[in-house]
């Protein structure tokens, strides 16, 4: 679905339902200290009962999740993200061309145009990040990789020129992403969205001042590498996200995800680290505001 650049509010995407359980999980116990969802895709409808943006934000607030960074991945979703942030005081936006979309724009002769749109959106006051951008060697064939690198480096430039944070998508491309950041120069506030590396990568990233954002997959049984990474990451470099509607935390894995489920992941992370939940929430909130600035501005 395409959207009018002047009025992107009606833009939605529908997640494939397949044979999975599409019932919304029950709301968890509210957090006593408020936190933020650092990365979500709320333009994607999911679940047996689609929920509007207002409903998603209200349900999140009810459990102590008081803000969401809404991330784009193409021209349309980035415009929608900027609109959502301008229209809702509990939303900030990240805008970008996703690395898996970059080759398609390139082959259509539209990558320069798409990057120009992201550059324009990045100037809006409630757009606080460029993302998600990066490299994905899992879904993109080799002939599409030059477009990914071209797009990634252009997004790094946008983030630095606009003094914005950057949210990195990194799938099966750890070394190439880190090398690119070293070669080109990382933005001052660089975040590994849905961190997927191991403890060694976590140490390396933290030493360079990057933030690591953990999603619901840190709770998955087969994700020991993420728990090892969490254990060695300095508390002041940890963020939490949903990547909604994907990566729903255990015990709801496979069902629809949304910001209101952040408390499940937060409590799991606090238990893994052996820290007080309230103190951990306060640290997570402080980290979010350091990266993206105030949601009330």
C-alpha atoms as a PDB file:
ATOM      1  CA  UNK A   1       0.000   0.000   0.000  1.00  0.00           C
ATOM      2  CA  UNK A   2       1.292   3.440  -0.900  1.00  0.00           C
ATOM      3  CA  UNK A   3       0.480   6.620   0.924  1.00  0.00           C
ATOM      4  CA  UNK A   4       0.105  10.297   0.189  1.00  0.00           C
ATOM      5  CA  UNK A   5       3.320  12.091   1.186  1.00  0.00           C
ATOM      6  CA  UNK A   6       1.229  14.976   2.532  1.00  0.00           C
ATOM      7  CA  UNK A   7      -1.000  12.730   4.665  1.00  0.00           C
ATOM      8  CA  UNK A   8       0.543   9.353   5.541  1.00  0.00           C
ATOM      9  CA  UNK A   9      -1.832   8.702   8.449  1.00  0.00           C
ATOM     10  CA  UNK A  10      -3.849   6.028   6.647  1.00  0.00           C
ATOM     11  CA  UNK A  11      -0.874   3.831   5.839  1.00  0.00           C
ATOM     12  CA  UNK A  12      -0.974   0.286   7.245  1.00  0.00           C
ATOM     13  CA  UNK A  13       0.638  -3.037   6.466  1.00  0.00           C
ATOM     14  CA  UNK A  14      -0.745  -6.445   7.327  1.00  0.00           C
ATOM     15  CA  UNK A  15       1.459  -9.152   8.788  1.00  0.00           C
ATOM     16  CA  UNK A  16       1.022 -12.595   7.320  1.00  0.00           C
ATOM     17  CA  UNK A  17      -1.123 -14.631   9.669  1.00  0.00           C
ATOM     18  CA  UNK A  18      -0.061 -18.169   8.560  1.00  0.00           C
ATOM     19  CA  UNK A  19      -0.900 -20.981  10.997  1.00  0.00           C
ATOM     20  CA  UNK A  20       0.429 -19.330  14.145  1.00  0.00           C
ATOM     21  CA  UNK A  21      -1.585 -18.307  17.197  1.00  0.00           C
ATOM     22  CA  UNK A  22      -2.833 -14.772  16.459  1.00  0.00           C
ATOM     23  CA  UNK A  23      -4.532 -14.157  19.813  1.00  0.00           C
ATOM     24  CA  UNK A  24      -3.171 -11.207  21.761  1.00  0.00           C
ATOM     25  CA  UNK A  25      -1.439 -12.293  25.011  1.00  0.00           C
ATOM     26  CA  UNK A  26      -2.856 -11.059  28.293  1.00  0.00           C
ATOM     27  CA  UNK A  27      -1.307  -7.880  29.651  1.00  0.00           C
ATOM     28  CA  UNK A  28       1.539  -8.469  32.127  1.00  0.00           C
ATOM     29  CA  UNK A  29       1.726  -6.953  35.577  1.00  0.00           C
ATOM     30  CA  UNK A  30       2.519  -3.231  35.237  1.00  0.00           C
ATOM     31  CA  UNK A  31       6.028  -1.999  35.906  1.00  0.00           C
ATOM     32  CA  UNK A  32       6.366   0.311  38.907  1.00  0.00           C
ATOM     33  CA  UNK A  33       9.036   2.407  37.126  1.00  0.00           C
ATOM     34  CA  UNK A  34       8.250   3.479  33.575  1.00  0.00           C
ATOM     35  CA  UNK A  35      10.311   2.406  30.569  1.00  0.00           C
ATOM     36  CA  UNK A  36      10.283   2.886  26.796  1.00  0.00           C
ATOM     37  CA  UNK A  37      10.063   0.568  23.792  1.00  0.00           C
ATOM     38  CA  UNK A  38      13.139   1.504  21.777  1.00  0.00           C
ATOM     39  CA  UNK A  39      12.063  -0.051  18.453  1.00  0.00           C
ATOM     40  CA  UNK A  40       8.670  -1.076  17.074  1.00  0.00           C
ATOM     41  CA  UNK A  41       6.777  -1.225  13.778  1.00  0.00           C
ATOM     42  CA  UNK A  42       3.282  -0.175  14.778  1.00  0.00           C
ATOM     43  CA  UNK A  43       2.186   0.440  11.194  1.00  0.00           C
ATOM     44  CA  UNK A  44       2.002  -3.341  10.793  1.00  0.00           C
ATOM     45  CA  UNK A  45      -1.378  -4.738  11.799  1.00  0.00           C
ATOM     46  CA  UNK A  46      -1.364  -8.115  13.514  1.00  0.00           C
ATOM     47  CA  UNK A  47      -3.502 -10.270  15.752  1.00  0.00           C
ATOM     48  CA  UNK A  48      -7.056 -11.530  15.700  1.00  0.00           C
ATOM     49  CA  UNK A  49      -8.297  -8.057  16.674  1.00  0.00           C
ATOM     50  CA  UNK A  50      -6.305  -5.288  14.939  1.00  0.00           C
ATOM     51  CA  UNK A  51      -5.519  -2.419  17.296  1.00  0.00           C
ATOM     52  CA  UNK A  52      -5.098   1.199  16.319  1.00  0.00           C
ATOM     53  CA  UNK A  53      -2.016   3.199  17.196  1.00  0.00           C
ATOM     54  CA  UNK A  54      -3.942   4.948  19.965  1.00  0.00           C
ATOM     55  CA  UNK A  55      -4.990   1.584  21.408  1.00  0.00           C
ATOM     56  CA  UNK A  56      -1.443   0.243  21.264  1.00  0.00           C
ATOM     57  CA  UNK A  57      -0.073   3.293  23.055  1.00  0.00           C
ATOM     58  CA  UNK A  58      -2.824   3.225  25.687  1.00  0.00           C
ATOM     59  CA  UNK A  59      -2.272  -0.458  26.461  1.00  0.00           C
ATOM     60  CA  UNK A  60       1.450   0.173  26.737  1.00  0.00           C
ATOM     61  CA  UNK A  61       0.972   3.096  29.115  1.00  0.00           C
ATOM     62  CA  UNK A  62      -1.285   0.945  31.313  1.00  0.00           C
ATOM     63  CA  UNK A  63       1.654  -1.369  32.074  1.00  0.00           C
ATOM     64  CA  UNK A  64       4.314   1.333  32.485  1.00  0.00           C
ATOM     65  CA  UNK A  65       5.620   1.611  28.912  1.00  0.00           C
ATOM     66  CA  UNK A  66       5.291   5.344  28.373  1.00  0.00           C
ATOM     67  CA  UNK A  67       6.940   5.848  24.995  1.00  0.00           C
ATOM     68  CA  UNK A  68       7.789   4.092  21.742  1.00  0.00           C
ATOM     69  CA  UNK A  69      10.424   4.688  19.074  1.00  0.00           C
ATOM     70  CA  UNK A  70       8.575   3.863  15.859  1.00  0.00           C
ATOM     71  CA  UNK A  71      10.947   2.679  13.127  1.00  0.00           C
ATOM     72  CA  UNK A  72      10.601   2.922   9.362  1.00  0.00           C
ATOM     73  CA  UNK A  73      12.056   0.678   6.682  1.00  0.00           C
ATOM     74  CA  UNK A  74      11.047   2.260   3.387  1.00  0.00           C
ATOM     75  CA  UNK A  75       9.684   5.568   2.116  1.00  0.00           C
ATOM     76  CA  UNK A  76       6.069   4.884   3.115  1.00  0.00           C
ATOM     77  CA  UNK A  77       6.704   3.485   6.587  1.00  0.00           C
ATOM     78  CA  UNK A  78       9.240   6.217   7.320  1.00  0.00           C
ATOM     79  CA  UNK A  79       6.702   8.887   6.401  1.00  0.00           C
ATOM     80  CA  UNK A  80       4.159   7.133   8.624  1.00  0.00           C
ATOM     81  CA  UNK A  81       6.673   6.971  11.473  1.00  0.00           C
ATOM     82  CA  UNK A  82       7.360  10.703  11.213  1.00  0.00           C
ATOM     83  CA  UNK A  83       3.612  11.380  11.156  1.00  0.00           C
ATOM     84  CA  UNK A  84       3.023   9.161  14.213  1.00  0.00           C
ATOM     85  CA  UNK A  85       5.713  10.978  16.166  1.00  0.00           C
ATOM     86  CA  UNK A  86       4.403  14.407  15.188  1.00  0.00           C
ATOM     87  CA  UNK A  87       0.864  13.378  16.166  1.00  0.00           C
ATOM     88  CA  UNK A  88       1.468  11.507  19.435  1.00  0.00           C
ATOM     89  CA  UNK A  89       3.501  12.817  22.382  1.00  0.00           C
ATOM     90  CA  UNK A  90       4.532   9.301  23.407  1.00  0.00           C
ATOM     91  CA  UNK A  91       6.081   8.468  20.012  1.00  0.00           C
ATOM     92  CA  UNK A  92       9.453   9.372  18.529  1.00  0.00           C
ATOM     93  CA  UNK A  93      10.446   8.314  15.022  1.00  0.00           C
ATOM     94  CA  UNK A  94      13.322   6.568  13.311  1.00  0.00           C
ATOM     95  CA  UNK A  95      13.393   6.770   9.505  1.00  0.00           C
ATOM     96  CA  UNK A  96      15.402   4.759   6.987  1.00  0.00           C
ATOM     97  CA  UNK A  97      15.531   2.453   4.021  1.00  0.00           C
ATOM     98  CA  UNK A  98      15.926  -1.065   5.421  1.00  0.00           C
ATOM     99  CA  UNK A  99      18.980  -2.915   4.067  1.00  0.00           C
ATOM    100  CA  UNK A 100      16.751  -5.536   2.458  1.00  0.00           C
ATOM    101  CA  UNK A 101      14.849  -2.785   0.640  1.00  0.00           C
ATOM    102  CA  UNK A 102      17.943  -0.981  -0.648  1.00  0.00           C
ATOM    103  CA  UNK A 103      18.639  -3.390  -3.563  1.00  0.00           C
ATOM    104  CA  UNK A 104      15.049  -3.077  -4.795  1.00  0.00           C
ATOM    105  CA  UNK A 105      15.246   0.710  -4.773  1.00  0.00           C
ATOM    106  CA  UNK A 106      18.626   0.518  -6.510  1.00  0.00           C
ATOM    107  CA  UNK A 107      17.412  -1.805  -9.264  1.00  0.00           C
ATOM    108  CA  UNK A 108      14.452   0.517  -9.841  1.00  0.00           C
ATOM    109  CA  UNK A 109      16.788   3.500 -10.094  1.00  0.00           C
ATOM    110  CA  UNK A 110      15.219   5.072  -6.997  1.00  0.00           C
ATOM    111  CA  UNK A 111      17.800   4.611  -4.227  1.00  0.00           C
ATOM    112  CA  UNK A 112      19.065   8.196  -4.447  1.00  0.00           C
ATOM    113  CA  UNK A 113      15.466   9.443  -4.358  1.00  0.00           C
ATOM    114  CA  UNK A 114      14.648   7.251  -1.362  1.00  0.00           C
ATOM    115  CA  UNK A 115      17.709   8.427   0.573  1.00  0.00           C
ATOM    116  CA  UNK A 116      16.777  12.032  -0.214  1.00  0.00           C
ATOM    117  CA  UNK A 117      13.333  11.429   1.325  1.00  0.00           C
ATOM    118  CA  UNK A 118      14.967  10.027   4.474  1.00  0.00           C
ATOM    119  CA  UNK A 119      17.267  13.050   4.616  1.00  0.00           C
ATOM    120  CA  UNK A 120      14.238  15.361   4.412  1.00  0.00           C
ATOM    121  CA  UNK A 121      12.311  13.467   7.090  1.00  0.00           C
ATOM    122  CA  UNK A 122      15.382  13.463   9.343  1.00  0.00           C
ATOM    123  CA  UNK A 123      15.037  17.223   9.717  1.00  0.00           C
ATOM    124  CA  UNK A 124      11.701  16.934  11.504  1.00  0.00           C
ATOM    125  CA  UNK A 125      11.986  17.676  15.239  1.00  0.00           C
ATOM    126  CA  UNK A 126      10.426  14.435  16.499  1.00  0.00           C
ATOM    127  CA  UNK A 127      12.466  12.249  14.172  1.00  0.00           C
ATOM    128  CA  UNK A 128      15.276  11.319  16.547  1.00  0.00           C
ATOM    129  CA  UNK A 129      16.989   8.432  14.769  1.00  0.00           C
ATOM    130  CA  UNK A 130      18.005   7.082  11.402  1.00  0.00           C
ATOM    131  CA  UNK A 131      16.923   3.472  11.308  1.00  0.00           C
ATOM    132  CA  UNK A 132      16.678   0.818  10.757  1.00  0.00           C
ATOM    133  CA  UNK A 133      19.688   0.741   8.488  1.00  0.00           C
ATOM    134  CA  UNK A 134      22.667  -1.557   8.248  1.00  0.00           C
ATOM    135  CA  UNK A 135      23.551  -4.816   6.532  1.00  0.00           C
ATOM    136  CA  UNK A 136      21.711  -8.112   6.114  1.00  0.00           C
ATOM    137  CA  UNK A 137      23.635 -11.009   4.599  1.00  0.00           C
ATOM    138  CA  UNK A 138      20.807 -13.461   5.385  1.00  0.00           C
ATOM    139  CA  UNK A 139      18.054 -12.320   3.026  1.00  0.00           C
ATOM    140  CA  UNK A 140      19.950 -10.376   0.348  1.00  0.00           C
ATOM    141  CA  UNK A 141      21.802 -12.128  -2.486  1.00  0.00           C
ATOM    142  CA  UNK A 142      25.403 -11.192  -3.225  1.00  0.00           C
ATOM    143  CA  UNK A 143      24.488  -8.995  -6.177  1.00  0.00           C
ATOM    144  CA  UNK A 144      22.388  -6.830  -3.832  1.00  0.00           C
ATOM    145  CA  UNK A 145      25.153  -6.203  -1.287  1.00  0.00           C
ATOM    146  CA  UNK A 146      26.725  -3.167  -3.007  1.00  0.00           C
ATOM    147  CA  UNK A 147      23.370  -1.373  -2.698  1.00  0.00           C
ATOM    148  CA  UNK A 148      23.223  -2.258   0.998  1.00  0.00           C
ATOM    149  CA  UNK A 149      26.666  -0.790   1.626  1.00  0.00           C
ATOM    150  CA  UNK A 150      25.835   2.321  -0.406  1.00  0.00           C
ATOM    151  CA  UNK A 151      22.598   2.819   1.518  1.00  0.00           C
ATOM    152  CA  UNK A 152      24.186   2.125   4.922  1.00  0.00           C
ATOM    153  CA  UNK A 153      26.953   4.654   4.390  1.00  0.00           C
ATOM    154  CA  UNK A 154      24.465   7.257   3.150  1.00  0.00           C
ATOM    155  CA  UNK A 155      22.357   6.723   6.281  1.00  0.00           C
ATOM    156  CA  UNK A 156      25.413   7.105   8.505  1.00  0.00           C
ATOM    157  CA  UNK A 157      26.059  10.439   6.819  1.00  0.00           C
ATOM    158  CA  UNK A 158      22.448  11.546   7.374  1.00  0.00           C
ATOM    159  CA  UNK A 159      22.588  10.632  11.066  1.00  0.00           C
ATOM    160  CA  UNK A 160      25.806  12.567  11.582  1.00  0.00           C
ATOM    161  CA  UNK A 161      24.681  15.658   9.655  1.00  0.00           C
ATOM    162  CA  UNK A 162      21.392  15.849  11.557  1.00  0.00           C
ATOM    163  CA  UNK A 163      22.961  14.827  14.891  1.00  0.00           C
ATOM    164  CA  UNK A 164      20.588  11.892  15.215  1.00  0.00           C
ATOM    165  CA  UNK A 165      20.946   8.475  16.776  1.00  0.00           C
ATOM    166  CA  UNK A 166      21.282   5.521  14.417  1.00  0.00           C
ATOM    167  CA  UNK A 167      19.498   2.174  14.777  1.00  0.00           C
ATOM    168  CA  UNK A 168      21.435  -0.629  13.102  1.00  0.00           C
ATOM    169  CA  UNK A 169      19.925  -3.744  11.555  1.00  0.00           C
ATOM    170  CA  UNK A 170      22.643  -6.408  11.581  1.00  0.00           C
ATOM    171  CA  UNK A 171      21.831  -9.918  10.433  1.00  0.00           C
ATOM    172  CA  UNK A 172      24.674 -12.337   9.727  1.00  0.00           C
ATOM    173  CA  UNK A 173      26.864  -9.315   8.987  1.00  0.00           C
ATOM    174  CA  UNK A 174      28.585  -8.527  12.297  1.00  0.00           C
ATOM    175  CA  UNK A 175      32.116  -8.064  10.996  1.00  0.00           C
ATOM    176  CA  UNK A 176      31.049  -6.021   7.976  1.00  0.00           C
ATOM    177  CA  UNK A 177      28.867  -3.717  10.081  1.00  0.00           C
ATOM    178  CA  UNK A 178      31.610  -3.095  12.635  1.00  0.00           C
ATOM    179  CA  UNK A 179      34.208  -2.553   9.906  1.00  0.00           C
ATOM    180  CA  UNK A 180      31.954  -0.048   8.154  1.00  0.00           C
ATOM    181  CA  UNK A 181      31.406   1.900  11.365  1.00  0.00           C
ATOM    182  CA  UNK A 182      35.159   2.016  11.983  1.00  0.00           C
ATOM    183  CA  UNK A 183      35.975   3.000   8.405  1.00  0.00           C
ATOM    184  CA  UNK A 184      33.289   5.643   7.902  1.00  0.00           C
ATOM    185  CA  UNK A 185      32.960   6.797  11.500  1.00  0.00           C
ATOM    186  CA  UNK A 186      29.944   5.926  13.616  1.00  0.00           C
ATOM    187  CA  UNK A 187      27.370   8.516  14.686  1.00  0.00           C
ATOM    188  CA  UNK A 188      27.789   9.671  18.274  1.00  0.00           C
ATOM    189  CA  UNK A 189      24.733   7.667  19.367  1.00  0.00           C
ATOM    190  CA  UNK A 190      24.790   4.278  17.634  1.00  0.00           C
ATOM    191  CA  UNK A 191      22.383   1.515  18.648  1.00  0.00           C
ATOM    192  CA  UNK A 192      22.420  -2.136  17.641  1.00  0.00           C
ATOM    193  CA  UNK A 193      18.680  -2.744  17.276  1.00  0.00           C
ATOM    194  CA  UNK A 194      17.696  -6.290  18.256  1.00  0.00           C
ATOM    195  CA  UNK A 195      21.295  -7.108  19.114  1.00  0.00           C
ATOM    196  CA  UNK A 196      22.182 -10.499  17.650  1.00  0.00           C
ATOM    197  CA  UNK A 197      25.863 -10.929  18.444  1.00  0.00           C
ATOM    198  CA  UNK A 198      27.707 -12.728  21.209  1.00  0.00           C
ATOM    199  CA  UNK A 199      29.577 -11.658  24.331  1.00  0.00           C
ATOM    200  CA  UNK A 200      32.741 -10.746  22.419  1.00  0.00           C
ATOM    201  CA  UNK A 201      30.815  -8.477  20.074  1.00  0.00           C
ATOM    202  CA  UNK A 202      28.970  -6.939  23.006  1.00  0.00           C
ATOM    203  CA  UNK A 203      32.251  -6.073  24.736  1.00  0.00           C
ATOM    204  CA  UNK A 204      33.707  -4.658  21.514  1.00  0.00           C
ATOM    205  CA  UNK A 205      30.601  -2.555  20.851  1.00  0.00           C
ATOM    206  CA  UNK A 206      30.352  -1.223  24.397  1.00  0.00           C
ATOM    207  CA  UNK A 207      34.022  -0.243  24.356  1.00  0.00           C
ATOM    208  CA  UNK A 208      33.244   1.950  21.350  1.00  0.00           C
ATOM    209  CA  UNK A 209      30.295   3.576  23.061  1.00  0.00           C
ATOM    210  CA  UNK A 210      27.539   1.797  21.154  1.00  0.00           C
ATOM    211  CA  UNK A 211      24.246   0.851  22.805  1.00  0.00           C
ATOM    212  CA  UNK A 212      22.842  -2.674  22.634  1.00  0.00           C
ATOM    213  CA  UNK A 213      19.062  -3.020  22.388  1.00  0.00           C
ATOM    214  CA  UNK A 214      17.657  -6.397  23.416  1.00  0.00           C
ATOM    215  CA  UNK A 215      14.324  -7.701  22.140  1.00  0.00           C
ATOM    216  CA  UNK A 216      12.046 -10.561  23.163  1.00  0.00           C
ATOM    217  CA  UNK A 217      14.309 -13.157  21.584  1.00  0.00           C
ATOM    218  CA  UNK A 218      16.669 -12.780  24.560  1.00  0.00           C
ATOM    219  CA  UNK A 219      14.088 -14.968  26.336  1.00  0.00           C
ATOM    220  CA  UNK A 220      14.205 -17.756  23.719  1.00  0.00           C
ATOM    221  CA  UNK A 221      15.658 -21.080  24.841  1.00  0.00           C
ATOM    222  CA  UNK A 222      18.095 -21.192  21.911  1.00  0.00           C
ATOM    223  CA  UNK A 223      19.426 -17.648  22.448  1.00  0.00           C
ATOM    224  CA  UNK A 224      22.177 -18.228  25.007  1.00  0.00           C
ATOM    225  CA  UNK A 225      24.469 -15.987  22.959  1.00  0.00           C
ATOM    226  CA  UNK A 226      22.148 -13.058  23.662  1.00  0.00           C
ATOM    227  CA  UNK A 227      22.042 -13.761  27.394  1.00  0.00           C
ATOM    228  CA  UNK A 228      25.841 -14.011  27.408  1.00  0.00           C
ATOM    229  CA  UNK A 229      26.003 -10.665  25.603  1.00  0.00           C
ATOM    230  CA  UNK A 230      23.561  -9.096  28.055  1.00  0.00           C
ATOM    231  CA  UNK A 231      25.653 -10.299  30.992  1.00  0.00           C
ATOM    232  CA  UNK A 232      28.788  -8.453  29.833  1.00  0.00           C
ATOM    233  CA  UNK A 233      27.139  -5.260  28.586  1.00  0.00           C
ATOM    234  CA  UNK A 234      27.551  -2.267  30.929  1.00  0.00           C
ATOM    235  CA  UNK A 235      24.175  -1.326  32.396  1.00  0.00           C
ATOM    236  CA  UNK A 236      24.407   2.175  30.919  1.00  0.00           C
ATOM    237  CA  UNK A 237      24.637   0.661  27.392  1.00  0.00           C
ATOM    238  CA  UNK A 238      21.520  -1.540  27.584  1.00  0.00           C
ATOM    239  CA  UNK A 239      18.216  -0.738  25.888  1.00  0.00           C
ATOM    240  CA  UNK A 240      15.045  -2.810  25.513  1.00  0.00           C
ATOM    241  CA  UNK A 241      12.652  -3.099  22.583  1.00  0.00           C
ATOM    242  CA  UNK A 242       9.896  -5.243  21.132  1.00  0.00           C
ATOM    243  CA  UNK A 243      10.586  -5.099  17.373  1.00  0.00           C
ATOM    244  CA  UNK A 244       6.797  -5.475  17.374  1.00  0.00           C
ATOM    245  CA  UNK A 245       4.909  -7.225  15.954  1.00  0.00           C
ATOM    246  CA  UNK A 246       7.813  -9.694  15.802  1.00  0.00           C
ATOM    247  CA  UNK A 247       9.956 -11.505  18.420  1.00  0.00           C
ATOM    248  CA  UNK A 248       7.279 -11.902  21.075  1.00  0.00           C
ATOM    249  CA  UNK A 249       8.943 -12.991  24.325  1.00  0.00           C
ATOM    250  CA  UNK A 250       8.527 -16.386  25.944  1.00  0.00           C
ATOM    251  CA  UNK A 251       5.990 -17.661  27.025  1.00  0.00           C
ATOM    252  CA  UNK A 252       4.065 -15.984  24.198  1.00  0.00           C
ATOM    253  CA  UNK A 253       6.517 -16.705  21.384  1.00  0.00           C
ATOM    254  CA  UNK A 254       4.846 -16.714  17.970  1.00  0.00           C
ATOM    255  CA  UNK A 255       1.834 -14.665  19.033  1.00  0.00           C
ATOM    256  CA  UNK A 256       1.394 -10.956  18.206  1.00  0.00           C
ATOM    257  CA  UNK A 257       3.829  -8.600  19.892  1.00  0.00           C
ATOM    258  CA  UNK A 258       3.312  -4.982  20.941  1.00  0.00           C
ATOM    259  CA  UNK A 259       4.839  -2.456  23.357  1.00  0.00           C
ATOM    260  CA  UNK A 260       2.575  -3.567  26.217  1.00  0.00           C
ATOM    261  CA  UNK A 261       4.628  -6.787  26.433  1.00  0.00           C
ATOM    262  CA  UNK A 262       7.907  -5.002  27.224  1.00  0.00           C
ATOM    263  CA  UNK A 263       7.507  -5.813  30.965  1.00  0.00           C
ATOM    264  CA  UNK A 264       7.889  -9.530  30.176  1.00  0.00           C
ATOM    265  CA  UNK A 265      11.284  -8.945  28.575  1.00  0.00           C
ATOM    266  CA  UNK A 266      12.386  -6.410  31.184  1.00  0.00           C
ATOM    267  CA  UNK A 267      11.654  -8.750  34.101  1.00  0.00           C
ATOM    268  CA  UNK A 268      13.463 -11.598  32.335  1.00  0.00           C
ATOM    269  CA  UNK A 269      16.519  -9.418  31.726  1.00  0.00           C
ATOM    270  CA  UNK A 270      16.561  -8.193  35.332  1.00  0.00           C
ATOM    271  CA  UNK A 271      16.408 -11.774  36.582  1.00  0.00           C
ATOM    272  CA  UNK A 272      19.252 -12.812  34.272  1.00  0.00           C
ATOM    273  CA  UNK A 273      21.368  -9.950  35.568  1.00  0.00           C
ATOM    274  CA  UNK A 274      20.358 -10.468  39.189  1.00  0.00           C
ATOM    275  CA  UNK A 275      19.299  -6.841  39.625  1.00  0.00           C
ATOM    276  CA  UNK A 276      16.277  -5.154  41.156  1.00  0.00           C
ATOM    277  CA  UNK A 277      13.551  -4.648  38.547  1.00  0.00           C
ATOM    278  CA  UNK A 278      12.751  -1.070  39.574  1.00  0.00           C
ATOM    279  CA  UNK A 279      16.412  -0.039  39.526  1.00  0.00           C
ATOM    280  CA  UNK A 280      16.866  -1.739  36.161  1.00  0.00           C
ATOM    281  CA  UNK A 281      13.822   0.063  34.741  1.00  0.00           C
ATOM    282  CA  UNK A 282      15.195   3.407  35.908  1.00  0.00           C
ATOM    283  CA  UNK A 283      18.488   2.665  34.163  1.00  0.00           C
ATOM    284  CA  UNK A 284      16.742   1.605  30.947  1.00  0.00           C
ATOM    285  CA  UNK A 285      14.664   4.778  30.929  1.00  0.00           C
ATOM    286  CA  UNK A 286      17.721   6.943  31.520  1.00  0.00           C
ATOM    287  CA  UNK A 287      19.558   5.197  28.685  1.00  0.00           C
ATOM    288  CA  UNK A 288      16.653   5.732  26.283  1.00  0.00           C
ATOM    289  CA  UNK A 289      16.454   9.436  27.011  1.00  0.00           C
ATOM    290  CA  UNK A 290      20.216   9.780  26.621  1.00  0.00           C
ATOM    291  CA  UNK A 291      20.019   8.268  23.139  1.00  0.00           C
ATOM    292  CA  UNK A 292      16.821   9.839  21.790  1.00  0.00           C
ATOM    293  CA  UNK A 293      16.136  12.855  23.973  1.00  0.00           C
ATOM    294  CA  UNK A 294      12.930  13.739  25.771  1.00  0.00           C
ATOM    295  CA  UNK A 295       9.596  12.500  24.445  1.00  0.00           C
ATOM    296  CA  UNK A 296       7.944  15.684  25.715  1.00  0.00           C
ATOM    297  CA  UNK A 297      10.006  18.047  23.534  1.00  0.00           C
END
